[in-house]
């Protein structure tokens, strides 16, 4: 079996996680006057389009589109429950959960 060259879903997820972490570190620890602020912040902005791509892929490949949309609405910290604890929990747990899923998938292979 030969492997295809290029990006697969795992590589894209890992790139999105690294970009998101880079952006958050930039926001919290690098002053805006630093010349590295804008390039690192912009690098982190590729996370949203990658995640939107995976949401669209999941929607396309799901068996029940209604249940998939319900899951997205319940899981999202903005549209689900309005408590700030849920929203902050979402933003703290989601990148960690992507990394855990990636590591589990690597271990299963």
PDB file of N, CA and C in Angstrom:
ATOM      1  N   UNK A   1       0.839  -1.169   0.000  1.00  0.00           N
ATOM      2  CA  UNK A   1       0.000   0.000   0.000  1.00  0.00           C
ATOM      3  C   UNK A   1       0.891   1.241   0.000  1.00  0.00           C
ATOM      4  N   UNK A   2       0.607   2.143  -0.884  1.00  0.00           N
ATOM      5  CA  UNK A   2       1.391   3.384  -0.950  1.00  0.00           C
ATOM      6  C   UNK A   2       0.575   4.522  -0.353  1.00  0.00           C
ATOM      7  N   UNK A   3       1.278   5.434   0.256  1.00  0.00           N
ATOM      8  CA  UNK A   3       0.618   6.603   0.843  1.00  0.00           C
ATOM      9  C   UNK A   3       0.646   7.746  -0.154  1.00  0.00           C
ATOM     10  N   UNK A   4      -0.449   8.476  -0.191  1.00  0.00           N
ATOM     11  CA  UNK A   4      -0.520   9.648  -1.049  1.00  0.00           C
ATOM     12  C   UNK A   4       0.198  10.811  -0.374  1.00  0.00           C
ATOM     13  N   UNK A   5       0.838  11.606  -1.184  1.00  0.00           N
ATOM     14  CA  UNK A   5       1.473  12.810  -0.661  1.00  0.00           C
ATOM     15  C   UNK A   5       0.415  13.901  -0.521  1.00  0.00           C
ATOM     16  N   UNK A   6       0.576  14.732   0.473  1.00  0.00           N
ATOM     17  CA  UNK A   6      -0.362  15.839   0.644  1.00  0.00           C
ATOM     18  C   UNK A   6      -0.933  15.874   2.038  1.00  0.00           C
ATOM     19  N   UNK A   7      -1.948  16.696   2.214  1.00  0.00           N
ATOM     20  CA  UNK A   7      -2.571  16.874   3.520  1.00  0.00           C
ATOM     21  C   UNK A   7      -3.764  15.942   3.669  1.00  0.00           C
ATOM     22  N   UNK A   8      -3.831  15.267   4.799  1.00  0.00           N
ATOM     23  CA  UNK A   8      -5.028  14.502   5.118  1.00  0.00           C
ATOM     24  C   UNK A   8      -5.753  15.204   6.256  1.00  0.00           C
ATOM     25  N   UNK A   9      -6.849  14.641   6.719  1.00  0.00           N
ATOM     26  CA  UNK A   9      -7.642  15.321   7.743  1.00  0.00           C
ATOM     27  C   UNK A   9      -6.876  15.462   9.055  1.00  0.00           C
ATOM     28  N   UNK A  10      -6.077  14.480   9.402  1.00  0.00           N
ATOM     29  CA  UNK A  10      -5.313  14.571  10.652  1.00  0.00           C
ATOM     30  C   UNK A  10      -4.278  15.682  10.598  1.00  0.00           C
ATOM     31  N   UNK A  11      -3.618  15.818   9.473  1.00  0.00           N
ATOM     32  CA  UNK A  11      -2.630  16.884   9.324  1.00  0.00           C
ATOM     33  C   UNK A  11      -3.295  18.251   9.390  1.00  0.00           C
ATOM     34  N   UNK A  12      -4.461  18.373   8.765  1.00  0.00           N
ATOM     35  CA  UNK A  12      -5.190  19.636   8.820  1.00  0.00           C
ATOM     36  C   UNK A  12      -5.637  19.964  10.243  1.00  0.00           C
ATOM     37  N   UNK A  13      -6.101  18.951  10.978  1.00  0.00           N
ATOM     38  CA  UNK A  13      -6.516  19.179  12.364  1.00  0.00           C
ATOM     39  C   UNK A  13      -5.332  19.621  13.216  1.00  0.00           C
ATOM     40  N   UNK A  14      -4.209  18.964  13.044  1.00  0.00           N
ATOM     41  CA  UNK A  14      -3.024  19.331  13.806  1.00  0.00           C
ATOM     42  C   UNK A  14      -2.571  20.745  13.455  1.00  0.00           C
ATOM     43  N   UNK A  15      -2.604  21.093  12.194  1.00  0.00           N
ATOM     44  CA  UNK A  15      -2.255  22.452  11.769  1.00  0.00           C
ATOM     45  C   UNK A  15      -3.201  23.475  12.392  1.00  0.00           C
ATOM     46  N   UNK A  16      -4.495  23.155  12.428  1.00  0.00           N
ATOM     47  CA  UNK A  16      -5.470  24.066  13.022  1.00  0.00           C
ATOM     48  C   UNK A  16      -5.224  24.238  14.520  1.00  0.00           C
ATOM     49  N   UNK A  17      -4.901  23.154  15.214  1.00  0.00           N
ATOM     50  CA  UNK A  17      -4.644  23.238  16.654  1.00  0.00           C
ATOM     51  C   UNK A  17      -3.401  24.078  16.925  1.00  0.00           C
ATOM     52  N   UNK A  18      -2.346  23.845  16.158  1.00  0.00           N
ATOM     53  CA  UNK A  18      -1.110  24.614  16.336  1.00  0.00           C
ATOM     54  C   UNK A  18      -1.363  26.093  16.042  1.00  0.00           C
ATOM     55  N   UNK A  19      -2.111  26.372  14.987  1.00  0.00           N
ATOM     56  CA  UNK A  19      -2.407  27.764  14.642  1.00  0.00           C
ATOM     57  C   UNK A  19      -3.251  28.430  15.728  1.00  0.00           C
ATOM     58  N   UNK A  20      -4.217  27.702  16.275  1.00  0.00           N
ATOM     59  CA  UNK A  20      -5.068  28.269  17.320  1.00  0.00           C
ATOM     60  C   UNK A  20      -4.259  28.559  18.580  1.00  0.00           C
ATOM     61  N   UNK A  21      -3.409  27.620  18.960  1.00  0.00           N
ATOM     62  CA  UNK A  21      -2.566  27.840  20.136  1.00  0.00           C
ATOM     63  C   UNK A  21      -1.635  29.015  19.901  1.00  0.00           C
ATOM     64  N   UNK A  22      -1.085  29.102  18.716  1.00  0.00           N
ATOM     65  CA  UNK A  22      -0.196  30.215  18.373  1.00  0.00           C
ATOM     66  C   UNK A  22      -0.932  31.548  18.491  1.00  0.00           C
ATOM     67  N   UNK A  23      -2.149  31.599  18.001  1.00  0.00           N
ATOM     68  CA  UNK A  23      -2.918  32.839  18.071  1.00  0.00           C
ATOM     69  C   UNK A  23      -3.247  33.205  19.517  1.00  0.00           C
ATOM     70  N   UNK A  24      -3.634  32.233  20.314  1.00  0.00           N
ATOM     71  CA  UNK A  24      -3.976  32.532  21.705  1.00  0.00           C
ATOM     72  C   UNK A  24      -2.752  32.961  22.504  1.00  0.00           C
ATOM     73  N   UNK A  25      -1.630  32.326  22.270  1.00  0.00           N
ATOM     74  CA  UNK A  25      -0.393  32.744  22.940  1.00  0.00           C
ATOM     75  C   UNK A  25      -0.035  34.165  22.518  1.00  0.00           C
ATOM     76  N   UNK A  26      -0.212  34.455  21.245  1.00  0.00           N
ATOM     77  CA  UNK A  26       0.064  35.804  20.741  1.00  0.00           C
ATOM     78  C   UNK A  26      -0.823  36.840  21.421  1.00  0.00           C
ATOM     79  N   UNK A  27      -2.102  36.541  21.533  1.00  0.00           N
ATOM     80  CA  UNK A  27      -3.040  37.490  22.133  1.00  0.00           C
ATOM     81  C   UNK A  27      -2.701  37.755  23.595  1.00  0.00           C
ATOM     82  N   UNK A  28      -2.369  36.706  24.329  1.00  0.00           N
ATOM     83  CA  UNK A  28      -2.187  36.857  25.765  1.00  0.00           C
ATOM     84  C   UNK A  28      -0.783  37.274  26.184  1.00  0.00           C
ATOM     85  N   UNK A  29       0.240  36.964  25.411  1.00  0.00           N
ATOM     86  CA  UNK A  29       1.602  37.158  25.900  1.00  0.00           C
ATOM     87  C   UNK A  29       2.474  38.103  25.077  1.00  0.00           C
ATOM     88  N   UNK A  30       2.073  38.442  23.861  1.00  0.00           N
ATOM     89  CA  UNK A  30       2.911  39.302  23.025  1.00  0.00           C
ATOM     90  C   UNK A  30       2.242  40.665  22.894  1.00  0.00           C
ATOM     91  N   UNK A  31       2.961  41.728  23.207  1.00  0.00           N
ATOM     92  CA  UNK A  31       2.351  43.060  23.062  1.00  0.00           C
ATOM     93  C   UNK A  31       2.094  43.390  21.594  1.00  0.00           C
ATOM     94  N   UNK A  32       1.096  44.204  21.350  1.00  0.00           N
ATOM     95  CA  UNK A  32       0.720  44.539  19.979  1.00  0.00           C
ATOM     96  C   UNK A  32       1.791  45.361  19.266  1.00  0.00           C
ATOM     97  N   UNK A  33       2.701  45.944  19.999  1.00  0.00           N
ATOM     98  CA  UNK A  33       3.774  46.723  19.377  1.00  0.00           C
ATOM     99  C   UNK A  33       4.906  45.849  18.865  1.00  0.00           C
ATOM    100  N   UNK A  34       4.917  44.597  19.257  1.00  0.00           N
ATOM    101  CA  UNK A  34       5.956  43.672  18.814  1.00  0.00           C
ATOM    102  C   UNK A  34       5.764  43.378  17.321  1.00  0.00           C
ATOM    103  N   UNK A  35       6.844  43.351  16.516  1.00  0.00           N
ATOM    104  CA  UNK A  35       6.680  43.087  15.073  1.00  0.00           C
ATOM    105  C   UNK A  35       6.190  41.670  14.764  1.00  0.00           C
ATOM    106  N   UNK A  36       6.304  40.739  15.707  1.00  0.00           N
ATOM    107  CA  UNK A  36       5.828  39.376  15.479  1.00  0.00           C
ATOM    108  C   UNK A  36       4.334  39.220  15.742  1.00  0.00           C
ATOM    109  N   UNK A  37       3.719  40.235  16.333  1.00  0.00           N
ATOM    110  CA  UNK A  37       2.309  40.116  16.719  1.00  0.00           C
ATOM    111  C   UNK A  37       1.403  39.856  15.508  1.00  0.00           C
ATOM    112  N   UNK A  38       1.478  40.691  14.493  1.00  0.00           N
ATOM    113  CA  UNK A  38       0.573  40.551  13.341  1.00  0.00           C
ATOM    114  C   UNK A  38       0.771  39.250  12.563  1.00  0.00           C
ATOM    115  N   UNK A  39       2.011  38.842  12.235  1.00  0.00           N
ATOM    116  CA  UNK A  39       2.149  37.575  11.503  1.00  0.00           C
ATOM    117  C   UNK A  39       1.663  36.360  12.301  1.00  0.00           C
ATOM    118  N   UNK A  40       1.949  36.324  13.609  1.00  0.00           N
ATOM    119  CA  UNK A  40       1.498  35.190  14.417  1.00  0.00           C
ATOM    120  C   UNK A  40      -0.019  35.197  14.586  1.00  0.00           C
ATOM    121  N   UNK A  41      -0.585  36.372  14.756  1.00  0.00           N
ATOM    122  CA  UNK A  41      -2.036  36.472  14.874  1.00  0.00           C
ATOM    123  C   UNK A  41      -2.713  36.026  13.578  1.00  0.00           C
ATOM    124  N   UNK A  42      -2.192  36.462  12.448  1.00  0.00           N
ATOM    125  CA  UNK A  42      -2.771  36.083  11.148  1.00  0.00           C
ATOM    126  C   UNK A  42      -2.618  34.590  10.874  1.00  0.00           C
ATOM    127  N   UNK A  43      -1.511  33.997  11.320  1.00  0.00           N
ATOM    128  CA  UNK A  43      -1.327  32.549  11.169  1.00  0.00           C
ATOM    129  C   UNK A  43      -2.426  31.802  11.921  1.00  0.00           C
ATOM    130  N   UNK A  44      -2.800  32.302  13.068  1.00  0.00           N
ATOM    131  CA  UNK A  44      -3.849  31.656  13.846  1.00  0.00           C
ATOM    132  C   UNK A  44      -5.218  31.749  13.219  1.00  0.00           C
ATOM    133  N   UNK A  45      -5.395  32.677  12.314  1.00  0.00           N
ATOM    134  CA  UNK A  45      -6.711  32.861  11.699  1.00  0.00           C
ATOM    135  C   UNK A  45      -7.065  31.768  10.689  1.00  0.00           C
ATOM    136  N   UNK A  46      -6.137  30.881  10.358  1.00  0.00           N
ATOM    137  CA  UNK A  46      -6.479  29.785   9.445  1.00  0.00           C
ATOM    138  C   UNK A  46      -7.284  28.694  10.144  1.00  0.00           C
ATOM    139  N   UNK A  47      -7.386  28.766  11.470  1.00  0.00           N
ATOM    140  CA  UNK A  47      -8.124  27.746  12.210  1.00  0.00           C
ATOM    141  C   UNK A  47      -9.602  27.732  11.832  1.00  0.00           C
ATOM    142  N   UNK A  48     -10.226  28.884  11.782  1.00  0.00           N
ATOM    143  CA  UNK A  48     -11.671  28.944  11.513  1.00  0.00           C
ATOM    144  C   UNK A  48     -12.049  28.338  10.156  1.00  0.00           C
ATOM    145  N   UNK A  49     -11.361  28.681   9.065  1.00  0.00           N
ATOM    146  CA  UNK A  49     -11.743  28.049   7.797  1.00  0.00           C
ATOM    147  C   UNK A  49     -11.535  26.527   7.788  1.00  0.00           C
ATOM    148  N   UNK A  50     -10.491  26.069   8.467  1.00  0.00           N
ATOM    149  CA  UNK A  50     -10.259  24.614   8.523  1.00  0.00           C
ATOM    150  C   UNK A  50     -11.389  23.937   9.285  1.00  0.00           C
ATOM    151  N   UNK A  51     -11.767  24.505  10.424  1.00  0.00           N
ATOM    152  CA  UNK A  51     -12.841  23.905  11.216  1.00  0.00           C
ATOM    153  C   UNK A  51     -14.180  23.983  10.478  1.00  0.00           C
ATOM    154  N   UNK A  52     -14.425  25.061   9.774  1.00  0.00           N
ATOM    155  CA  UNK A  52     -15.656  25.168   8.974  1.00  0.00           C
ATOM    156  C   UNK A  52     -15.678  24.117   7.873  1.00  0.00           C
ATOM    157  N   UNK A  53     -14.526  23.837   7.299  1.00  0.00           N
ATOM    158  CA  UNK A  53     -14.432  22.784   6.288  1.00  0.00           C
ATOM    159  C   UNK A  53     -14.833  21.437   6.889  1.00  0.00           C
ATOM    160  N   UNK A  54     -14.344  21.143   8.106  1.00  0.00           N
ATOM    161  CA  UNK A  54     -14.686  19.864   8.731  1.00  0.00           C
ATOM    162  C   UNK A  54     -16.153  19.804   9.134  1.00  0.00           C
ATOM    163  N   UNK A  55     -16.724  20.933   9.518  1.00  0.00           N
ATOM    164  CA  UNK A  55     -18.157  20.957   9.818  1.00  0.00           C
ATOM    165  C   UNK A  55     -18.953  20.658   8.552  1.00  0.00           C
ATOM    166  N   UNK A  56     -18.560  21.255   7.442  1.00  0.00           N
ATOM    167  CA  UNK A  56     -19.249  20.999   6.174  1.00  0.00           C
ATOM    168  C   UNK A  56     -19.074  19.553   5.729  1.00  0.00           C
ATOM    169  N   UNK A  57     -17.892  19.006   5.923  1.00  0.00           N
ATOM    170  CA  UNK A  57     -17.653  17.596   5.575  1.00  0.00           C
ATOM    171  C   UNK A  57     -18.504  16.674   6.433  1.00  0.00           C
ATOM    172  N   UNK A  58     -18.570  16.963   7.726  1.00  0.00           N
ATOM    173  CA  UNK A  58     -19.391  16.148   8.620  1.00  0.00           C
ATOM    174  C   UNK A  58     -20.855  16.225   8.252  1.00  0.00           C
ATOM    175  N   UNK A  59     -21.315  17.408   7.885  1.00  0.00           N
ATOM    176  CA  UNK A  59     -22.708  17.581   7.477  1.00  0.00           C
ATOM    177  C   UNK A  59     -22.994  16.799   6.196  1.00  0.00           C
ATOM    178  N   UNK A  60     -22.053  16.812   5.280  1.00  0.00           N
ATOM    179  CA  UNK A  60     -22.239  16.113   4.011  1.00  0.00           C
ATOM    180  C   UNK A  60     -22.276  14.596   4.207  1.00  0.00           C
ATOM    181  N   UNK A  61     -21.453  14.080   5.108  1.00  0.00           N
ATOM    182  CA  UNK A  61     -21.317  12.629   5.268  1.00  0.00           C
ATOM    183  C   UNK A  61     -22.196  12.033   6.363  1.00  0.00           C
ATOM    184  N   UNK A  62     -22.998  12.834   7.062  1.00  0.00           N
ATOM    185  CA  UNK A  62     -23.806  12.309   8.156  1.00  0.00           C
ATOM    186  C   UNK A  62     -25.046  11.593   7.639  1.00  0.00           C
ATOM    187  N   UNK A  63     -25.579  10.711   8.481  1.00  0.00           N
ATOM    188  CA  UNK A  63     -26.799   9.995   8.100  1.00  0.00           C
ATOM    189  C   UNK A  63     -28.047  10.803   8.442  1.00  0.00           C
ATOM    190  N   UNK A  64     -27.989  11.538   9.541  1.00  0.00           N
ATOM    191  CA  UNK A  64     -29.134  12.342   9.961  1.00  0.00           C
ATOM    192  C   UNK A  64     -28.690  13.795  10.072  1.00  0.00           C
ATOM    193  N   UNK A  65     -29.038  14.579   9.093  1.00  0.00           N
ATOM    194  CA  UNK A  65     -28.609  15.975   9.081  1.00  0.00           C
ATOM    195  C   UNK A  65     -29.261  16.779  10.200  1.00  0.00           C
ATOM    196  N   UNK A  66     -30.492  16.443  10.562  1.00  0.00           N
ATOM    197  CA  UNK A  66     -31.168  17.144  11.643  1.00  0.00           C
ATOM    198  C   UNK A  66     -30.433  16.914  12.966  1.00  0.00           C
ATOM    199  N   UNK A  67     -30.067  15.675  13.259  1.00  0.00           N
ATOM    200  CA  UNK A  67     -29.348  15.376  14.495  1.00  0.00           C
ATOM    201  C   UNK A  67     -27.955  16.004  14.487  1.00  0.00           C
ATOM    202  N   UNK A  68     -27.326  16.059  13.339  1.00  0.00           N
ATOM    203  CA  UNK A  68     -25.999  16.681  13.248  1.00  0.00           C
ATOM    204  C   UNK A  68     -26.085  18.172  13.553  1.00  0.00           C
ATOM    205  N   UNK A  69     -27.093  18.844  13.009  1.00  0.00           N
ATOM    206  CA  UNK A  69     -27.275  20.263  13.297  1.00  0.00           C
ATOM    207  C   UNK A  69     -27.602  20.495  14.773  1.00  0.00           C
ATOM    208  N   UNK A  70     -28.418  19.613  15.355  1.00  0.00           N
ATOM    209  CA  UNK A  70     -28.707  19.733  16.788  1.00  0.00           C
ATOM    210  C   UNK A  70     -27.435  19.575  17.613  1.00  0.00           C
ATOM    211  N   UNK A  71     -26.595  18.640  17.244  1.00  0.00           N
ATOM    212  CA  UNK A  71     -25.343  18.433  17.960  1.00  0.00           C
ATOM    213  C   UNK A  71     -24.445  19.660  17.863  1.00  0.00           C
ATOM    214  N   UNK A  72     -24.363  20.253  16.686  1.00  0.00           N
ATOM    215  CA  UNK A  72     -23.546  21.456  16.524  1.00  0.00           C
ATOM    216  C   UNK A  72     -24.070  22.610  17.371  1.00  0.00           C
ATOM    217  N   UNK A  73     -25.387  22.769  17.396  1.00  0.00           N
ATOM    218  CA  UNK A  73     -25.968  23.867  18.167  1.00  0.00           C
ATOM    219  C   UNK A  73     -25.812  23.657  19.668  1.00  0.00           C
ATOM    220  N   UNK A  74     -25.879  22.419  20.125  1.00  0.00           N
ATOM    221  CA  UNK A  74     -25.721  22.148  21.550  1.00  0.00           C
ATOM    222  C   UNK A  74     -24.263  22.220  21.982  1.00  0.00           C
ATOM    223  N   UNK A  75     -23.341  21.860  21.102  1.00  0.00           N
ATOM    224  CA  UNK A  75     -21.927  21.798  21.470  1.00  0.00           C
ATOM    225  C   UNK A  75     -21.266  23.166  21.432  1.00  0.00           C
ATOM    226  N   UNK A  76     -21.752  24.062  20.621  1.00  0.00           N
ATOM    227  CA  UNK A  76     -21.128  25.371  20.465  1.00  0.00           C
ATOM    228  C   UNK A  76     -21.376  26.219  21.708  1.00  0.00           C
ATOM    229  N   UNK A  77     -20.314  26.786  22.255  1.00  0.00           N
ATOM    230  CA  UNK A  77     -20.423  27.596  23.454  1.00  0.00           C
ATOM    231  C   UNK A  77     -21.217  28.868  23.246  1.00  0.00           C
ATOM    232  N   UNK A  78     -21.298  29.375  22.040  1.00  0.00           N
ATOM    233  CA  UNK A  78     -22.022  30.612  21.773  1.00  0.00           C
ATOM    234  C   UNK A  78     -23.524  30.383  21.672  1.00  0.00           C
ATOM    235  N   UNK A  79     -23.942  29.328  21.018  1.00  0.00           N
ATOM    236  CA  UNK A  79     -25.359  29.156  20.719  1.00  0.00           C
ATOM    237  C   UNK A  79     -26.051  28.170  21.640  1.00  0.00           C
ATOM    238  N   UNK A  80     -25.293  27.387  22.337  1.00  0.00           N
ATOM    239  CA  UNK A  80     -25.896  26.411  23.234  1.00  0.00           C
ATOM    240  C   UNK A  80     -26.407  27.102  24.475  1.00  0.00           C
ATOM    241  N   UNK A  81     -26.032  26.635  25.612  1.00  0.00           N
ATOM    242  CA  UNK A  81     -26.433  27.268  26.863  1.00  0.00           C
ATOM    243  C   UNK A  81     -25.764  28.627  26.969  1.00  0.00           C
ATOM    244  N   UNK A  82     -26.434  29.561  27.579  1.00  0.00           N
ATOM    245  CA  UNK A  82     -25.932  30.930  27.621  1.00  0.00           C
ATOM    246  C   UNK A  82     -25.038  31.220  28.829  1.00  0.00           C
ATOM    247  N   UNK A  83     -24.844  30.252  29.713  1.00  0.00           N
ATOM    248  CA  UNK A  83     -23.996  30.480  30.874  1.00  0.00           C
ATOM    249  C   UNK A  83     -22.547  30.710  30.440  1.00  0.00           C
ATOM    250  N   UNK A  84     -21.880  31.657  31.091  1.00  0.00           N
ATOM    251  CA  UNK A  84     -20.479  31.933  30.752  1.00  0.00           C
ATOM    252  C   UNK A  84     -19.584  30.747  31.072  1.00  0.00           C
ATOM    253  N   UNK A  85     -19.969  29.935  32.068  1.00  0.00           N
ATOM    254  CA  UNK A  85     -19.169  28.758  32.401  1.00  0.00           C
ATOM    255  C   UNK A  85     -19.141  27.776  31.231  1.00  0.00           C
ATOM    256  N   UNK A  86     -20.258  27.614  30.565  1.00  0.00           N
ATOM    257  CA  UNK A  86     -20.297  26.737  29.401  1.00  0.00           C
ATOM    258  C   UNK A  86     -19.462  27.307  28.265  1.00  0.00           C
ATOM    259  N   UNK A  87     -19.546  28.611  28.054  1.00  0.00           N
ATOM    260  CA  UNK A  87     -18.789  29.226  26.965  1.00  0.00           C
ATOM    261  C   UNK A  87     -17.289  29.118  27.227  1.00  0.00           C
ATOM    262  N   UNK A  88     -16.834  29.458  28.417  1.00  0.00           N
ATOM    263  CA  UNK A  88     -15.407  29.357  28.729  1.00  0.00           C
ATOM    264  C   UNK A  88     -14.949  27.909  28.712  1.00  0.00           C
ATOM    265  N   UNK A  89     -15.801  27.010  29.180  1.00  0.00           N
ATOM    266  CA  UNK A  89     -15.455  25.587  29.117  1.00  0.00           C
ATOM    267  C   UNK A  89     -15.260  25.119  27.690  1.00  0.00           C
ATOM    268  N   UNK A  90     -16.113  25.600  26.803  1.00  0.00           N
ATOM    269  CA  UNK A  90     -15.995  25.262  25.384  1.00  0.00           C
ATOM    270  C   UNK A  90     -14.661  25.733  24.825  1.00  0.00           C
ATOM    271  N   UNK A  91     -14.302  26.977  25.102  1.00  0.00           N
ATOM    272  CA  UNK A  91     -13.082  27.527  24.533  1.00  0.00           C
ATOM    273  C   UNK A  91     -11.826  26.919  25.148  1.00  0.00           C
ATOM    274  N   UNK A  92     -11.907  26.446  26.372  1.00  0.00           N
ATOM    275  CA  UNK A  92     -10.748  25.803  26.999  1.00  0.00           C
ATOM    276  C   UNK A  92     -10.619  24.340  26.598  1.00  0.00           C
ATOM    277  N   UNK A  93     -11.746  23.646  26.495  1.00  0.00           N
ATOM    278  CA  UNK A  93     -11.720  22.206  26.264  1.00  0.00           C
ATOM    279  C   UNK A  93     -11.586  21.849  24.784  1.00  0.00           C
ATOM    280  N   UNK A  94     -12.134  22.623  23.890  1.00  0.00           N
ATOM    281  CA  UNK A  94     -12.171  22.237  22.484  1.00  0.00           C
ATOM    282  C   UNK A  94     -10.781  21.998  21.883  1.00  0.00           C
ATOM    283  N   UNK A  95      -9.792  22.892  22.049  1.00  0.00           N
ATOM    284  CA  UNK A  95      -8.465  22.588  21.489  1.00  0.00           C
ATOM    285  C   UNK A  95      -7.823  21.360  22.130  1.00  0.00           C
ATOM    286  N   UNK A  96      -8.039  21.207  23.423  1.00  0.00           N
ATOM    287  CA  UNK A  96      -7.486  20.034  24.108  1.00  0.00           C
ATOM    288  C   UNK A  96      -8.148  18.778  23.575  1.00  0.00           C
ATOM    289  N   UNK A  97      -9.428  18.835  23.358  1.00  0.00           N
ATOM    290  CA  UNK A  97     -10.150  17.666  22.861  1.00  0.00           C
ATOM    291  C   UNK A  97      -9.691  17.298  21.448  1.00  0.00           C
ATOM    292  N   UNK A  98      -9.370  18.280  20.611  1.00  0.00           N
ATOM    293  CA  UNK A  98      -8.841  17.965  19.280  1.00  0.00           C
ATOM    294  C   UNK A  98      -7.486  17.279  19.370  1.00  0.00           C
ATOM    295  N   UNK A  99      -6.635  17.760  20.274  1.00  0.00           N
ATOM    296  CA  UNK A  99      -5.323  17.132  20.429  1.00  0.00           C
ATOM    297  C   UNK A  99      -5.448  15.712  20.968  1.00  0.00           C
ATOM    298  N   UNK A 100      -6.361  15.510  21.915  1.00  0.00           N
ATOM    299  CA  UNK A 100      -6.566  14.162  22.467  1.00  0.00           C
ATOM    300  C   UNK A 100      -7.080  13.223  21.382  1.00  0.00           C
ATOM    301  N   UNK A 101      -8.032  13.689  20.575  1.00  0.00           N
ATOM    302  CA  UNK A 101      -8.539  12.859  19.484  1.00  0.00           C
ATOM    303  C   UNK A 101      -7.440  12.510  18.490  1.00  0.00           C
ATOM    304  N   UNK A 102      -6.577  13.460  18.202  1.00  0.00           N
ATOM    305  CA  UNK A 102      -5.480  13.217  17.273  1.00  0.00           C
ATOM    306  C   UNK A 102      -4.517  12.181  17.842  1.00  0.00           C
ATOM    307  N   UNK A 103      -4.177  12.292  19.115  1.00  0.00           N
ATOM    308  CA  UNK A 103      -3.254  11.336  19.746  1.00  0.00           C
ATOM    309  C   UNK A 103      -3.886   9.953  19.800  1.00  0.00           C
ATOM    310  N   UNK A 104      -5.170   9.889  20.132  1.00  0.00           N
ATOM    311  CA  UNK A 104      -5.851   8.585  20.167  1.00  0.00           C
ATOM    312  C   UNK A 104      -5.844   7.944  18.788  1.00  0.00           C
ATOM    313  N   UNK A 105      -6.110   8.735  17.772  1.00  0.00           N
ATOM    314  CA  UNK A 105      -6.101   8.182  16.424  1.00  0.00           C
ATOM    315  C   UNK A 105      -4.714   7.695  16.025  1.00  0.00           C
ATOM    316  N   UNK A 106      -3.670   8.422  16.432  1.00  0.00           N
ATOM    317  CA  UNK A 106      -2.307   7.970  16.146  1.00  0.00           C
ATOM    318  C   UNK A 106      -1.978   6.672  16.873  1.00  0.00           C
ATOM    319  N   UNK A 107      -2.460   6.542  18.101  1.00  0.00           N
ATOM    320  CA  UNK A 107      -2.201   5.317  18.875  1.00  0.00           C
ATOM    321  C   UNK A 107      -2.958   4.125  18.326  1.00  0.00           C
ATOM    322  N   UNK A 108      -4.132   4.362  17.770  1.00  0.00           N
ATOM    323  CA  UNK A 108      -4.935   3.265  17.230  1.00  0.00           C
ATOM    324  C   UNK A 108      -4.316   2.708  15.950  1.00  0.00           C
ATOM    325  N   UNK A 109      -3.675   3.551  15.204  1.00  0.00           N
ATOM    326  CA  UNK A 109      -3.068   3.094  13.939  1.00  0.00           C
ATOM    327  C   UNK A 109      -2.039   2.111  14.192  1.00  0.00           C
TER     328      UNK A 109
END
